Amino acid sequence: MQSLTNRGKQVERKPMTLVEKMYLPAIFKGMGITFSHLFKKRPTISYPEEQRPFSAVFRGLQILNRDEEGRERCTACGLCAVACPAEAITMEAAERQAGEENLYREEKYAAKYEINMLRCIFCGLCEEACPKDAIYLSQTFAPANYGRTGFIYGKEDLLIPNPVTDPEGYAKAKGTIPQATK
């Protein structure tokens, strides 16, 4: 039968020699590879003591952002939930009441905002879809947990600290180092 691509080659099966039948060259080659690994640097990292360096484009846990005055940026437009291919984000919108101008930037805000981290694929589409830069993926990876409900993060778990009341926590969450005061 003619092959379609003409890339196939006929293989010859020569009888094995006495040395090849004893498999000694193959055994010595395998042992040489094994012994060469004894003198190489170990790839294992002792996790709690050593932290593995992540790349600059690493996508970790989602964070809900605040502005410089401490108000929530999220306007509950729902674009992040629509853009999420895993449907991991759920939210409920509410209207801002009188006297809550210092809490929310716009008239609408997310009264309930949840991300199911068991469904999240860390694709970053929620970050790209947000017109207000309210959500971004941080350099923190998802911690282990014993129950499924521990992986559903609510709004209080996702919000970064208020920059007015906790400037050090806000700077740490943003990834910037606070400047020392003189």
Protein backbone atom coordinates (compact mmCIF):
# COMPACT_ATOMS: atom_id res chain seq x y z
CA MET A 1 0.00 0.00 0.00
CA GLN A 2 1.32 3.45 -0.96
CA SER A 3 1.70 5.97 1.89
CA LEU A 4 0.15 9.40 1.47
CA THR A 5 3.08 11.51 2.67
CA ASN A 6 6.13 9.51 1.54
CA ARG A 7 7.70 10.08 4.97
CA GLY A 8 7.57 6.45 6.05
CA LYS A 9 10.80 4.44 6.03
CA GLN A 10 11.27 0.73 5.89
CA VAL A 11 12.81 -0.57 9.12
CA GLU A 12 15.30 -3.42 9.11
CA ARG A 13 15.30 -5.87 11.98
CA LYS A 14 18.84 -7.14 12.42
CA PRO A 15 19.44 -9.95 14.88
CA MET A 16 20.91 -8.74 18.20
CA THR A 17 24.55 -9.46 19.02
CA LEU A 18 25.62 -11.34 22.15
CA VAL A 19 26.44 -8.09 24.03
CA GLU A 20 23.08 -6.59 23.08
CA LYS A 21 21.28 -9.74 24.23
CA MET A 22 22.80 -9.36 27.70
CA TYR A 23 21.57 -5.70 27.82
CA LEU A 24 24.83 -4.61 29.50
CA PRO A 25 25.29 -1.40 27.48
CA ALA A 26 21.72 -0.34 28.24
CA ILE A 27 22.13 -1.12 31.96
CA PHE A 28 25.40 0.85 32.19
CA LYS A 29 23.86 3.78 30.31
CA GLY A 30 20.89 3.84 32.72
CA MET A 31 23.16 3.62 35.77
CA GLY A 32 25.28 6.48 34.39
CA ILE A 33 22.21 8.69 34.12
CA THR A 34 21.13 7.73 37.65
CA PHE A 35 24.54 8.50 39.16
CA SER A 36 24.77 11.81 37.29
CA HIS A 37 21.65 12.99 39.15
CA LEU A 38 23.41 12.52 42.50
CA PHE A 39 25.65 15.53 41.83
CA LYS A 40 23.00 17.91 40.50
CA LYS A 41 21.15 20.58 42.49
CA ARG A 42 17.90 19.36 44.02
CA PRO A 43 14.78 20.87 42.46
CA THR A 44 12.79 20.43 45.67
CA ILE A 45 11.98 23.55 47.71
CA SER A 46 11.32 23.33 51.45
CA TYR A 47 8.09 25.33 51.27
CA PRO A 48 7.52 27.04 54.58
CA GLU A 49 11.16 28.05 54.93
CA GLU A 50 11.76 28.87 51.26
CA GLN A 51 9.37 30.69 48.95
CA ARG A 52 9.38 29.88 45.26
CA PRO A 53 9.82 32.97 43.09
CA PHE A 54 6.87 33.61 40.79
CA SER A 55 7.03 35.32 37.43
CA ALA A 56 5.75 38.87 37.00
CA VAL A 57 2.74 37.64 35.02
CA PHE A 58 1.63 35.08 37.64
CA ARG A 59 -2.15 35.13 38.15
CA GLY A 60 -3.20 34.30 41.69
CA LEU A 61 -6.17 35.07 43.91
CA GLN A 62 -8.59 37.80 42.91
CA ILE A 63 -8.67 41.03 44.90
CA LEU A 64 -11.40 43.68 45.00
CA ASN A 65 -9.74 47.06 44.79
CA ARG A 66 -10.46 50.36 46.56
CA ASP A 67 -9.61 53.88 45.50
CA GLU A 68 -7.26 56.21 47.39
CA GLU A 69 -10.11 57.43 49.62
CA GLY A 70 -11.06 53.92 50.71
CA ARG A 71 -14.24 53.60 48.63
CA GLU A 72 -15.03 50.38 46.78
CA ARG A 73 -14.43 50.57 43.05
CA CYS A 74 -16.90 47.83 42.06
CA THR A 75 -20.12 49.18 40.52
CA ALA A 76 -21.76 45.74 40.14
CA CYS A 77 -21.94 46.02 36.35
CA GLY A 78 -21.60 42.24 36.06
CA LEU A 79 -19.07 42.27 33.23
CA CYS A 80 -16.62 40.14 35.22
CA ALA A 81 -19.32 37.52 35.87
CA VAL A 82 -20.29 37.48 32.19
CA ALA A 83 -16.66 37.25 31.04
CA CYS A 84 -15.85 34.34 33.38
CA PRO A 85 -15.83 31.14 31.28
CA ALA A 86 -16.10 28.93 34.39
CA GLU A 87 -19.03 30.95 35.81
CA ALA A 88 -17.23 31.23 39.14
CA ILE A 89 -18.36 34.81 39.96
CA THR A 90 -21.79 35.69 41.36
CA MET A 91 -22.92 39.12 42.46
CA GLU A 92 -25.98 41.06 43.52
CA ALA A 93 -26.29 44.78 42.97
CA ALA A 94 -27.75 47.33 45.36
CA GLU A 95 -28.25 51.09 45.30
CA ARG A 96 -26.24 53.39 47.50
CA GLN A 97 -28.22 55.01 50.31
CA ALA A 98 -27.86 58.56 51.58
CA GLY A 99 -24.81 58.89 53.81
CA GLU A 100 -22.88 56.06 52.16
CA GLU A 101 -20.92 58.29 49.77
CA ASN A 102 -17.71 57.55 51.66
CA LEU A 103 -18.16 53.77 51.14
CA TYR A 104 -18.96 53.48 47.43
CA ARG A 105 -17.86 55.50 44.40
CA GLU A 106 -20.99 55.14 42.27
CA GLU A 107 -24.72 54.92 42.90
CA LYS A 108 -24.65 51.15 42.39
CA TYR A 109 -22.44 48.77 44.34
CA ALA A 110 -22.05 45.03 44.82
CA ALA A 111 -24.01 44.07 47.91
CA LYS A 112 -22.96 40.43 47.45
CA TYR A 113 -19.83 39.40 45.56
CA GLU A 114 -18.62 35.80 45.65
CA ILE A 115 -15.97 33.86 43.76
CA ASN A 116 -15.99 30.07 43.85
CA MET A 117 -12.28 29.25 43.76
CA LEU A 118 -12.99 25.58 43.00
CA ARG A 119 -14.41 26.67 39.65
CA CYS A 120 -11.97 29.49 38.92
CA ILE A 121 -9.39 28.74 36.22
CA PHE A 122 -7.30 31.90 36.87
CA CYS A 123 -7.62 33.03 33.26
CA GLY A 124 -7.68 36.77 34.05
CA LEU A 125 -10.71 37.55 31.88
CA CYS A 126 -12.52 39.10 34.87
CA GLU A 127 -9.63 41.52 35.30
CA GLU A 128 -9.69 42.48 31.63
CA ALA A 129 -13.48 42.90 31.52
CA CYS A 130 -13.72 45.29 34.49
CA PRO A 131 -14.05 48.91 33.30
CA LYS A 132 -13.33 50.36 36.77
CA ASP A 133 -10.21 48.30 37.63
CA ALA A 134 -12.12 46.95 40.60
CA ILE A 135 -10.82 43.39 40.38
CA TYR A 136 -7.30 42.19 39.73
CA LEU A 137 -5.38 38.98 40.18
CA SER A 138 -2.73 39.21 42.88
CA GLN A 139 0.57 37.38 43.38
CA THR A 140 -0.97 35.18 46.11
CA PHE A 141 -1.89 31.58 45.37
CA ALA A 142 -4.98 29.81 46.70
CA PRO A 143 -4.37 28.20 50.10
CA ALA A 144 -5.44 24.67 50.98
CA ASN A 145 -8.65 24.07 52.86
CA TYR A 146 -10.54 21.12 54.34
CA GLY A 147 -14.07 22.02 53.28
CA ARG A 148 -15.65 23.09 50.01
CA THR A 149 -17.28 26.13 51.61
CA GLY A 150 -13.86 27.48 52.54
CA PHE A 151 -13.13 28.01 48.84
CA ILE A 152 -16.08 30.32 48.27
CA TYR A 153 -14.70 33.79 48.95
CA GLY A 154 -17.13 36.54 49.83
CA LYS A 155 -16.78 40.27 49.41
CA GLU A 156 -15.21 40.73 52.85
CA ASP A 157 -12.52 38.15 51.98
CA LEU A 158 -11.69 39.78 48.63
CA LEU A 159 -11.58 43.48 49.58
CA ILE A 160 -8.17 44.95 50.25
CA PRO A 161 -7.69 46.96 53.45
CA ASN A 162 -8.87 50.55 53.60
CA PRO A 163 -5.98 52.92 52.72
CA VAL A 164 -7.26 55.56 55.14
CA THR A 165 -7.44 53.33 58.22
CA ASP A 166 -4.74 50.76 57.32
CA PRO A 167 -2.15 52.24 54.91
CA GLU A 168 0.42 49.49 55.55
CA GLY A 169 -2.09 46.71 54.81
CA TYR A 170 -3.26 48.57 51.71
CA ALA A 171 0.32 48.96 50.42
CA LYS A 172 1.04 45.28 51.12
CA ALA A 173 -2.11 44.20 49.27
CA LYS A 174 -1.23 46.41 46.30
CA GLY A 175 2.32 45.03 46.25
CA THR A 176 4.01 48.34 46.97
CA ILE A 177 6.30 49.07 49.88
CA PRO A 178 5.11 51.94 52.09
CA GLN A 179 7.56 54.83 52.29
CA ALA A 180 9.09 55.50 55.68
CA THR A 181 7.99 58.74 57.32
CA LYS A 182 10.63 61.08 58.69
